[in-house]
N, C-alpha and C. Protein backbone atom coordinates (compact mmCIF):
# COMPACT_ATOMS: atom_id res chain seq x y z
N MET A 1 22.80 9.43 -7.57
CA MET A 1 21.43 8.95 -7.46
C MET A 1 20.55 10.08 -6.93
N THR A 2 19.44 10.30 -7.63
CA THR A 2 18.50 11.33 -7.21
C THR A 2 17.13 10.72 -6.97
N TRP A 3 16.66 10.81 -5.71
CA TRP A 3 15.33 10.35 -5.35
C TRP A 3 14.35 11.49 -5.53
N THR A 4 13.19 11.18 -6.08
CA THR A 4 12.12 12.16 -6.24
C THR A 4 10.81 11.50 -5.85
N ILE A 5 10.02 12.21 -5.06
CA ILE A 5 8.65 11.78 -4.78
C ILE A 5 7.76 12.81 -5.43
N ARG A 6 6.86 12.34 -6.28
CA ARG A 6 6.00 13.27 -7.01
C ARG A 6 4.57 12.75 -7.04
N ALA A 7 3.65 13.68 -7.23
CA ALA A 7 2.25 13.30 -7.38
C ALA A 7 2.08 12.54 -8.69
N GLY A 8 1.24 11.51 -8.64
CA GLY A 8 0.98 10.71 -9.83
C GLY A 8 -0.35 11.08 -10.45
N GLY A 9 -0.61 10.52 -11.62
CA GLY A 9 -1.85 10.76 -12.33
C GLY A 9 -2.17 9.58 -13.23
N PRO A 10 -3.16 9.75 -14.10
CA PRO A 10 -3.59 8.65 -14.98
C PRO A 10 -2.46 8.03 -15.80
N ALA A 11 -1.50 8.83 -16.22
CA ALA A 11 -0.40 8.30 -17.04
C ALA A 11 0.51 7.36 -16.24
N ASP A 12 0.40 7.38 -14.92
CA ASP A 12 1.26 6.54 -14.07
C ASP A 12 0.63 5.19 -13.73
N VAL A 13 -0.61 4.97 -14.12
CA VAL A 13 -1.28 3.71 -13.80
C VAL A 13 -0.51 2.50 -14.32
N PRO A 14 0.03 2.50 -15.55
CA PRO A 14 0.81 1.33 -15.99
C PRO A 14 2.02 1.05 -15.10
N ALA A 15 2.68 2.09 -14.61
CA ALA A 15 3.84 1.88 -13.72
C ALA A 15 3.40 1.27 -12.40
N VAL A 16 2.26 1.70 -11.87
CA VAL A 16 1.75 1.13 -10.62
C VAL A 16 1.39 -0.34 -10.83
N LEU A 17 0.71 -0.64 -11.94
CA LEU A 17 0.35 -2.03 -12.21
C LEU A 17 1.60 -2.90 -12.39
N ALA A 18 2.62 -2.35 -13.02
CA ALA A 18 3.87 -3.11 -13.17
C ALA A 18 4.50 -3.40 -11.81
N LEU A 19 4.48 -2.43 -10.90
CA LEU A 19 5.00 -2.65 -9.55
C LEU A 19 4.18 -3.71 -8.83
N LEU A 20 2.86 -3.66 -8.98
CA LEU A 20 2.00 -4.65 -8.35
C LEU A 20 2.24 -6.04 -8.92
N ASP A 21 2.39 -6.13 -10.25
CA ASP A 21 2.66 -7.43 -10.86
C ASP A 21 3.98 -8.00 -10.37
N ALA A 22 5.01 -7.17 -10.32
CA ALA A 22 6.33 -7.64 -9.87
C ALA A 22 6.27 -8.08 -8.40
N ALA A 23 5.55 -7.33 -7.57
CA ALA A 23 5.41 -7.71 -6.16
C ALA A 23 4.64 -9.02 -6.04
N GLY A 24 3.59 -9.18 -6.85
CA GLY A 24 2.82 -10.42 -6.83
C GLY A 24 3.66 -11.61 -7.26
N GLU A 25 4.48 -11.44 -8.29
CA GLU A 25 5.37 -12.51 -8.74
C GLU A 25 6.36 -12.88 -7.65
N TRP A 26 6.87 -11.88 -6.95
CA TRP A 26 7.80 -12.12 -5.85
C TRP A 26 7.12 -12.93 -4.75
N LEU A 27 5.88 -12.56 -4.40
CA LEU A 27 5.15 -13.29 -3.38
C LEU A 27 4.93 -14.75 -3.80
N VAL A 28 4.48 -14.94 -5.04
CA VAL A 28 4.23 -16.29 -5.53
C VAL A 28 5.51 -17.12 -5.53
N SER A 29 6.63 -16.51 -5.92
CA SER A 29 7.90 -17.25 -5.98
C SER A 29 8.33 -17.73 -4.60
N ARG A 30 7.78 -17.14 -3.56
CA ARG A 30 8.11 -17.54 -2.19
C ARG A 30 6.99 -18.33 -1.53
N GLY A 31 6.01 -18.73 -2.34
CA GLY A 31 4.90 -19.52 -1.82
C GLY A 31 3.93 -18.73 -0.98
N ARG A 32 3.96 -17.43 -1.09
CA ARG A 32 3.12 -16.55 -0.27
C ARG A 32 1.92 -16.09 -1.09
N THR A 33 1.00 -17.00 -1.35
CA THR A 33 -0.13 -16.70 -2.23
C THR A 33 -1.37 -16.24 -1.47
N GLY A 34 -1.33 -16.23 -0.15
CA GLY A 34 -2.49 -15.83 0.63
C GLY A 34 -2.84 -14.36 0.48
N GLN A 35 -1.86 -13.52 0.19
CA GLN A 35 -2.11 -12.09 0.11
C GLN A 35 -2.88 -11.71 -1.14
N TRP A 36 -2.38 -12.09 -2.32
CA TRP A 36 -3.00 -11.67 -3.58
C TRP A 36 -3.33 -12.83 -4.50
N GLY A 37 -3.11 -14.05 -4.08
CA GLY A 37 -3.34 -15.17 -4.97
C GLY A 37 -2.18 -15.34 -5.94
N THR A 38 -2.47 -15.97 -7.09
CA THR A 38 -1.40 -16.26 -8.05
C THR A 38 -1.54 -15.49 -9.36
N ALA A 39 -2.68 -14.87 -9.61
CA ALA A 39 -2.89 -14.15 -10.87
C ALA A 39 -2.17 -12.81 -10.86
N ARG A 40 -1.77 -12.38 -12.04
CA ARG A 40 -1.15 -11.05 -12.16
C ARG A 40 -2.18 -9.99 -11.78
N GLN A 41 -1.74 -9.01 -11.04
CA GLN A 41 -2.64 -7.93 -10.60
C GLN A 41 -3.21 -7.15 -11.77
N SER A 42 -2.43 -7.00 -12.82
CA SER A 42 -2.87 -6.22 -13.98
C SER A 42 -3.95 -6.93 -14.79
N THR A 43 -4.26 -8.18 -14.46
CA THR A 43 -5.33 -8.89 -15.16
C THR A 43 -6.62 -8.93 -14.35
N SER A 44 -6.60 -8.39 -13.15
CA SER A 44 -7.78 -8.38 -12.28
C SER A 44 -8.65 -7.16 -12.59
N PRO A 45 -9.90 -7.37 -13.02
CA PRO A 45 -10.77 -6.22 -13.29
C PRO A 45 -10.92 -5.30 -12.07
N ARG A 46 -11.00 -5.90 -10.88
CA ARG A 46 -11.13 -5.09 -9.66
C ARG A 46 -9.88 -4.24 -9.45
N ARG A 47 -8.71 -4.82 -9.64
CA ARG A 47 -7.46 -4.09 -9.45
C ARG A 47 -7.31 -3.00 -10.52
N LEU A 48 -7.72 -3.30 -11.75
CA LEU A 48 -7.64 -2.29 -12.81
C LEU A 48 -8.53 -1.09 -12.48
N ARG A 49 -9.74 -1.35 -11.99
CA ARG A 49 -10.62 -0.24 -11.58
C ARG A 49 -9.99 0.57 -10.46
N GLN A 50 -9.41 -0.14 -9.48
CA GLN A 50 -8.73 0.55 -8.37
C GLN A 50 -7.61 1.44 -8.89
N ALA A 51 -6.75 0.87 -9.71
CA ALA A 51 -5.60 1.62 -10.21
C ALA A 51 -6.03 2.84 -11.02
N GLU A 52 -7.06 2.69 -11.81
CA GLU A 52 -7.56 3.84 -12.57
C GLU A 52 -8.07 4.92 -11.63
N SER A 53 -8.76 4.53 -10.57
CA SER A 53 -9.26 5.53 -9.62
C SER A 53 -8.10 6.19 -8.87
N TRP A 54 -7.06 5.41 -8.55
CA TRP A 54 -5.90 5.99 -7.87
C TRP A 54 -5.26 7.06 -8.75
N GLY A 55 -5.15 6.79 -10.04
CA GLY A 55 -4.55 7.76 -10.95
C GLY A 55 -5.40 8.98 -11.17
N ARG A 56 -6.69 8.83 -11.00
CA ARG A 56 -7.65 9.91 -11.28
C ARG A 56 -7.96 10.77 -10.06
N ASP A 57 -7.93 10.17 -8.86
CA ASP A 57 -8.49 10.83 -7.68
C ASP A 57 -7.53 11.70 -6.87
N GLY A 58 -6.27 11.78 -7.27
CA GLY A 58 -5.36 12.70 -6.63
C GLY A 58 -4.61 12.20 -5.42
N GLY A 59 -4.72 10.93 -5.06
CA GLY A 59 -4.01 10.42 -3.89
C GLY A 59 -2.77 9.61 -4.21
N LEU A 60 -2.40 9.54 -5.49
CA LEU A 60 -1.28 8.71 -5.92
C LEU A 60 0.03 9.48 -5.86
N TRP A 61 1.05 8.84 -5.30
CA TRP A 61 2.40 9.38 -5.24
C TRP A 61 3.36 8.31 -5.72
N LEU A 62 4.37 8.73 -6.47
CA LEU A 62 5.40 7.80 -6.92
C LEU A 62 6.75 8.26 -6.43
N ILE A 63 7.59 7.28 -6.12
CA ILE A 63 8.98 7.58 -5.79
C ILE A 63 9.82 7.07 -6.95
N GLU A 64 10.72 7.92 -7.41
CA GLU A 64 11.57 7.59 -8.54
C GLU A 64 13.03 7.74 -8.16
N LEU A 65 13.84 6.90 -8.73
CA LEU A 65 15.28 7.01 -8.61
C LEU A 65 15.80 7.28 -10.01
N ASP A 66 16.37 8.45 -10.18
CA ASP A 66 16.85 8.88 -11.50
C ASP A 66 15.78 8.72 -12.56
N GLY A 67 14.52 9.07 -12.21
CA GLY A 67 13.41 9.06 -13.15
C GLY A 67 12.72 7.73 -13.34
N VAL A 68 13.16 6.68 -12.66
CA VAL A 68 12.54 5.35 -12.78
C VAL A 68 11.64 5.10 -11.58
N PRO A 69 10.34 4.83 -11.80
CA PRO A 69 9.43 4.58 -10.67
C PRO A 69 9.79 3.28 -9.95
N LEU A 70 10.05 3.41 -8.65
CA LEU A 70 10.41 2.25 -7.83
C LEU A 70 9.42 1.99 -6.70
N GLY A 71 8.40 2.82 -6.61
CA GLY A 71 7.41 2.62 -5.57
C GLY A 71 6.22 3.52 -5.77
N ALA A 72 5.10 3.11 -5.19
CA ALA A 72 3.88 3.90 -5.27
C ALA A 72 3.18 3.89 -3.92
N LEU A 73 2.55 5.00 -3.63
CA LEU A 73 1.80 5.22 -2.40
C LEU A 73 0.46 5.81 -2.82
N VAL A 74 -0.62 5.33 -2.21
CA VAL A 74 -1.93 5.90 -2.47
C VAL A 74 -2.56 6.27 -1.14
N LEU A 75 -3.01 7.50 -1.03
CA LEU A 75 -3.71 8.00 0.15
C LEU A 75 -5.16 8.25 -0.24
N GLY A 76 -6.07 7.92 0.67
CA GLY A 76 -7.47 8.11 0.33
C GLY A 76 -8.39 7.87 1.50
N GLU A 77 -9.61 7.55 1.18
CA GLU A 77 -10.65 7.35 2.19
C GLU A 77 -10.53 5.97 2.83
N VAL A 78 -10.92 5.89 4.08
CA VAL A 78 -10.94 4.61 4.80
C VAL A 78 -11.90 3.67 4.07
N PRO A 79 -11.47 2.45 3.75
CA PRO A 79 -12.39 1.50 3.11
C PRO A 79 -13.65 1.30 3.96
N ALA A 80 -14.78 1.18 3.29
CA ALA A 80 -16.08 1.11 3.96
C ALA A 80 -16.19 -0.04 4.95
N GLN A 81 -15.49 -1.14 4.71
CA GLN A 81 -15.62 -2.31 5.57
C GLN A 81 -14.78 -2.21 6.85
N LEU A 82 -14.04 -1.13 6.99
CA LEU A 82 -13.19 -0.96 8.18
C LEU A 82 -13.79 0.09 9.11
N PRO A 83 -13.37 0.06 10.38
CA PRO A 83 -13.89 1.07 11.32
C PRO A 83 -13.54 2.48 10.85
N PRO A 84 -14.47 3.42 11.00
CA PRO A 84 -14.20 4.80 10.59
C PRO A 84 -13.15 5.45 11.49
N ALA A 85 -12.61 6.54 11.00
CA ALA A 85 -11.62 7.29 11.77
C ALA A 85 -12.24 7.83 13.04
N THR A 86 -11.44 7.83 14.11
CA THR A 86 -11.89 8.40 15.38
C THR A 86 -11.11 9.66 15.73
N VAL A 87 -10.05 9.92 14.96
CA VAL A 87 -9.24 11.13 15.11
C VAL A 87 -8.88 11.58 13.70
N PRO A 88 -8.41 12.82 13.54
CA PRO A 88 -7.98 13.25 12.20
C PRO A 88 -6.82 12.37 11.72
N GLU A 89 -6.99 11.77 10.55
CA GLU A 89 -5.98 10.85 10.05
C GLU A 89 -5.87 10.92 8.54
N VAL A 90 -4.81 10.32 8.05
CA VAL A 90 -4.63 10.08 6.62
C VAL A 90 -4.53 8.58 6.46
N TYR A 91 -5.28 8.04 5.50
CA TYR A 91 -5.32 6.59 5.29
C TYR A 91 -4.46 6.20 4.10
N VAL A 92 -3.58 5.23 4.32
CA VAL A 92 -2.73 4.69 3.26
C VAL A 92 -3.47 3.51 2.63
N LEU A 93 -3.90 3.68 1.39
CA LEU A 93 -4.61 2.62 0.68
C LEU A 93 -3.66 1.63 0.01
N LEU A 94 -2.47 2.09 -0.37
CA LEU A 94 -1.53 1.22 -1.06
C LEU A 94 -0.11 1.70 -0.81
N LEU A 95 0.75 0.73 -0.60
CA LEU A 95 2.20 0.96 -0.60
C LEU A 95 2.79 -0.24 -1.32
N VAL A 96 3.46 0.00 -2.43
CA VAL A 96 4.11 -1.07 -3.17
C VAL A 96 5.45 -0.56 -3.64
N THR A 97 6.45 -1.41 -3.53
CA THR A 97 7.81 -1.01 -3.92
C THR A 97 8.45 -2.09 -4.77
N SER A 98 9.47 -1.69 -5.49
CA SER A 98 10.23 -2.60 -6.33
C SER A 98 10.98 -3.61 -5.46
N ARG A 99 10.73 -4.89 -5.68
CA ARG A 99 11.44 -5.93 -4.94
C ARG A 99 12.89 -6.01 -5.40
N GLU A 100 13.17 -5.60 -6.65
CA GLU A 100 14.55 -5.60 -7.15
C GLU A 100 15.42 -4.60 -6.40
N HIS A 101 14.79 -3.63 -5.77
CA HIS A 101 15.52 -2.57 -5.07
C HIS A 101 15.26 -2.61 -3.57
N ALA A 102 14.91 -3.80 -3.07
CA ALA A 102 14.65 -3.96 -1.63
C ALA A 102 15.90 -3.55 -0.84
N GLY A 103 15.67 -2.97 0.31
CA GLY A 103 16.77 -2.59 1.18
C GLY A 103 17.22 -1.14 1.02
N LEU A 104 16.62 -0.42 0.06
CA LEU A 104 17.00 0.98 -0.15
C LEU A 104 16.12 1.95 0.64
N GLY A 105 15.16 1.42 1.39
CA GLY A 105 14.29 2.28 2.19
C GLY A 105 13.21 2.97 1.38
N ILE A 106 12.82 2.38 0.27
CA ILE A 106 11.81 3.01 -0.60
C ILE A 106 10.48 3.15 0.13
N GLY A 107 10.02 2.06 0.75
CA GLY A 107 8.76 2.11 1.49
C GLY A 107 8.81 3.09 2.64
N ALA A 108 9.91 3.10 3.36
CA ALA A 108 10.06 4.03 4.49
C ALA A 108 10.00 5.48 4.01
N ARG A 109 10.63 5.76 2.87
CA ARG A 109 10.60 7.13 2.33
C ARG A 109 9.16 7.53 1.99
N LEU A 110 8.42 6.60 1.37
CA LEU A 110 7.03 6.91 1.02
C LEU A 110 6.16 7.08 2.26
N LEU A 111 6.36 6.25 3.27
CA LEU A 111 5.58 6.40 4.50
C LEU A 111 5.93 7.69 5.22
N ASP A 112 7.18 8.08 5.20
CA ASP A 112 7.56 9.37 5.80
C ASP A 112 6.94 10.52 5.02
N HIS A 113 6.86 10.38 3.70
CA HIS A 113 6.19 11.40 2.88
C HIS A 113 4.71 11.49 3.28
N ALA A 114 4.07 10.33 3.46
CA ALA A 114 2.67 10.32 3.88
C ALA A 114 2.50 10.99 5.24
N ALA A 115 3.44 10.73 6.15
CA ALA A 115 3.37 11.36 7.47
C ALA A 115 3.50 12.87 7.36
N GLY A 116 4.38 13.34 6.49
CA GLY A 116 4.52 14.78 6.27
C GLY A 116 3.25 15.40 5.71
N LEU A 117 2.65 14.74 4.73
CA LEU A 117 1.38 15.23 4.18
C LEU A 117 0.29 15.24 5.24
N ALA A 118 0.26 14.19 6.06
CA ALA A 118 -0.73 14.11 7.12
C ALA A 118 -0.58 15.26 8.10
N ALA A 119 0.65 15.55 8.49
CA ALA A 119 0.91 16.66 9.41
C ALA A 119 0.46 17.99 8.79
N GLU A 120 0.75 18.17 7.51
CA GLU A 120 0.31 19.40 6.82
C GLU A 120 -1.20 19.55 6.85
N ARG A 121 -1.90 18.43 6.82
CA ARG A 121 -3.37 18.44 6.81
C ARG A 121 -3.97 18.46 8.21
N GLY A 122 -3.12 18.50 9.23
CA GLY A 122 -3.61 18.55 10.60
C GLY A 122 -4.00 17.19 11.16
N ALA A 123 -3.60 16.12 10.51
CA ALA A 123 -3.92 14.78 11.01
C ALA A 123 -2.98 14.42 12.15
N THR A 124 -3.46 13.55 13.02
CA THR A 124 -2.64 13.12 14.15
C THR A 124 -2.15 11.68 14.00
N ARG A 125 -2.58 11.00 12.92
CA ARG A 125 -2.08 9.64 12.69
C ARG A 125 -2.24 9.23 11.24
N LEU A 126 -1.42 8.24 10.90
CA LEU A 126 -1.58 7.49 9.65
C LEU A 126 -2.23 6.18 10.02
N ARG A 127 -3.07 5.69 9.13
CA ARG A 127 -3.66 4.37 9.34
C ARG A 127 -3.61 3.63 8.02
N LEU A 128 -3.48 2.32 8.08
CA LEU A 128 -3.45 1.48 6.89
C LEU A 128 -3.90 0.10 7.26
N ASP A 129 -4.10 -0.72 6.24
CA ASP A 129 -4.35 -2.13 6.48
C ASP A 129 -3.47 -2.94 5.55
N CYS A 130 -3.22 -4.18 5.95
CA CYS A 130 -2.39 -5.06 5.14
C CYS A 130 -2.79 -6.51 5.40
N TYR A 131 -2.22 -7.39 4.61
CA TYR A 131 -2.45 -8.81 4.79
C TYR A 131 -1.89 -9.23 6.14
N GLY A 132 -2.74 -9.83 6.95
CA GLY A 132 -2.33 -10.21 8.29
C GLY A 132 -2.19 -11.70 8.49
N GLY A 133 -2.06 -12.45 7.40
CA GLY A 133 -1.99 -13.91 7.51
C GLY A 133 -0.59 -14.45 7.42
N ASP A 134 -0.54 -15.77 7.26
CA ASP A 134 0.72 -16.52 7.18
C ASP A 134 1.60 -16.18 8.38
N ASP A 135 2.84 -15.77 8.14
CA ASP A 135 3.75 -15.48 9.25
C ASP A 135 3.70 -14.02 9.70
N ARG A 136 2.78 -13.26 9.14
CA ARG A 136 2.57 -11.84 9.49
C ARG A 136 3.83 -11.00 9.21
N ALA A 137 4.60 -11.40 8.22
CA ALA A 137 5.82 -10.66 7.88
C ALA A 137 5.52 -9.23 7.47
N LEU A 138 4.42 -9.04 6.74
CA LEU A 138 4.08 -7.68 6.32
C LEU A 138 3.70 -6.82 7.52
N VAL A 139 2.99 -7.40 8.46
CA VAL A 139 2.66 -6.68 9.70
C VAL A 139 3.96 -6.28 10.40
N GLY A 140 4.92 -7.19 10.46
CA GLY A 140 6.22 -6.89 11.08
C GLY A 140 6.93 -5.75 10.39
N TYR A 141 6.85 -5.70 9.05
CA TYR A 141 7.46 -4.58 8.31
C TYR A 141 6.86 -3.26 8.79
N TYR A 142 5.54 -3.19 8.85
CA TYR A 142 4.90 -1.94 9.26
C TYR A 142 5.21 -1.60 10.72
N GLU A 143 5.33 -2.60 11.56
CA GLU A 143 5.73 -2.32 12.94
C GLU A 143 7.12 -1.69 12.97
N ARG A 144 8.03 -2.16 12.13
CA ARG A 144 9.37 -1.56 12.07
C ARG A 144 9.33 -0.13 11.52
N GLN A 145 8.24 0.23 10.86
CA GLN A 145 8.07 1.59 10.35
C GLN A 145 7.31 2.48 11.33
N GLY A 146 7.10 2.00 12.54
CA GLY A 146 6.47 2.81 13.58
C GLY A 146 4.97 2.63 13.72
N PHE A 147 4.40 1.62 13.07
CA PHE A 147 2.97 1.36 13.17
C PHE A 147 2.71 0.35 14.28
N THR A 148 1.50 0.43 14.85
CA THR A 148 1.06 -0.48 15.89
C THR A 148 -0.19 -1.20 15.41
N PRO A 149 -0.24 -2.53 15.53
CA PRO A 149 -1.46 -3.24 15.12
C PRO A 149 -2.67 -2.79 15.94
N ALA A 150 -3.77 -2.64 15.25
CA ALA A 150 -5.06 -2.32 15.88
C ALA A 150 -5.99 -3.51 15.61
N GLU A 151 -7.09 -3.28 14.91
CA GLU A 151 -8.06 -4.34 14.65
C GLU A 151 -7.54 -5.36 13.62
N LEU A 152 -7.96 -6.60 13.81
CA LEU A 152 -7.79 -7.64 12.79
C LEU A 152 -9.20 -7.97 12.31
N VAL A 153 -9.46 -7.72 11.03
CA VAL A 153 -10.77 -7.94 10.44
C VAL A 153 -10.63 -9.00 9.36
N GLU A 154 -11.56 -9.94 9.31
CA GLU A 154 -11.50 -10.97 8.27
C GLU A 154 -12.61 -10.74 7.26
N PHE A 155 -12.23 -10.79 5.97
CA PHE A 155 -13.18 -10.59 4.89
C PHE A 155 -13.33 -11.87 4.09
N PRO A 156 -14.55 -12.25 3.76
CA PRO A 156 -14.71 -13.42 2.91
C PRO A 156 -14.36 -13.09 1.46
N LEU A 157 -13.51 -13.90 0.87
CA LEU A 157 -13.18 -13.77 -0.54
C LEU A 157 -14.25 -14.48 -1.36
N PRO A 158 -14.32 -14.21 -2.67
CA PRO A 158 -15.31 -14.92 -3.49
C PRO A 158 -15.19 -16.44 -3.40
N THR A 159 -14.00 -16.93 -3.06
CA THR A 159 -13.78 -18.38 -2.92
C THR A 159 -14.33 -18.92 -1.61
N GLY A 160 -14.74 -18.01 -0.70
CA GLY A 160 -15.23 -18.43 0.60
C GLY A 160 -14.16 -18.41 1.68
N VAL A 161 -12.90 -18.26 1.28
CA VAL A 161 -11.79 -18.18 2.23
C VAL A 161 -11.86 -16.83 2.95
N LEU A 162 -11.56 -16.83 4.24
CA LEU A 162 -11.50 -15.56 4.98
C LEU A 162 -10.11 -14.96 4.83
N TRP A 163 -10.06 -13.68 4.40
CA TRP A 163 -8.80 -12.96 4.19
C TRP A 163 -8.53 -12.13 5.44
N PRO A 164 -7.40 -12.36 6.13
CA PRO A 164 -7.10 -11.61 7.36
C PRO A 164 -6.53 -10.23 7.05
N CYS A 165 -7.25 -9.20 7.46
CA CYS A 165 -6.87 -7.81 7.21
C CYS A 165 -6.45 -7.17 8.53
N GLN A 166 -5.17 -6.86 8.64
CA GLN A 166 -4.64 -6.23 9.85
C GLN A 166 -4.63 -4.72 9.66
N VAL A 167 -5.32 -4.00 10.53
CA VAL A 167 -5.30 -2.55 10.54
C VAL A 167 -4.17 -2.12 11.47
N LEU A 168 -3.40 -1.11 11.04
CA LEU A 168 -2.30 -0.59 11.85
C LEU A 168 -2.36 0.93 11.88
N VAL A 169 -1.84 1.51 12.97
CA VAL A 169 -1.81 2.96 13.12
C VAL A 169 -0.42 3.43 13.47
N ARG A 170 -0.10 4.63 13.01
CA ARG A 170 1.16 5.29 13.36
C ARG A 170 0.80 6.68 13.83
N GLU A 171 0.98 6.90 15.13
CA GLU A 171 0.68 8.21 15.69
C GLU A 171 1.74 9.21 15.21
N LEU A 172 1.29 10.42 14.95
CA LEU A 172 2.19 11.47 14.44
C LEU A 172 2.54 12.46 15.55
């Protein structure tokens, strides 16, 4: 088995969307619809625009096992609705991994890669946000990866429901 982490580009957008769709199906199959709802991510115009920008803007990274993409990481600018950086940091916009390959440390490898890139850039922390609702299982995952919860921000969805966004930091 050979693991490779490589920079992604526009040609990798379909692989990222496939990972997002599979993760969304996994969430729905467990009744966890608060994070992304029930629709396939690849059918969302907003998600398609995001994925295209990720492929174009240079912050996309893929992890492959023997040439098969099993995870994606996107680094970029802090979303406008969140508090701005107060120290030099790298912001993780997306981390998605193959649920079929859970337990292989794919997400941890990508987060460690992000930490290495952050250190190269002189950053002192990684920051990200994730779904902070339901049983907060995703928050717990990031805590196990060395992140500490910071702000909890709620955003109104078009449906009027407030979406709980947990911001987390990992000091480097």
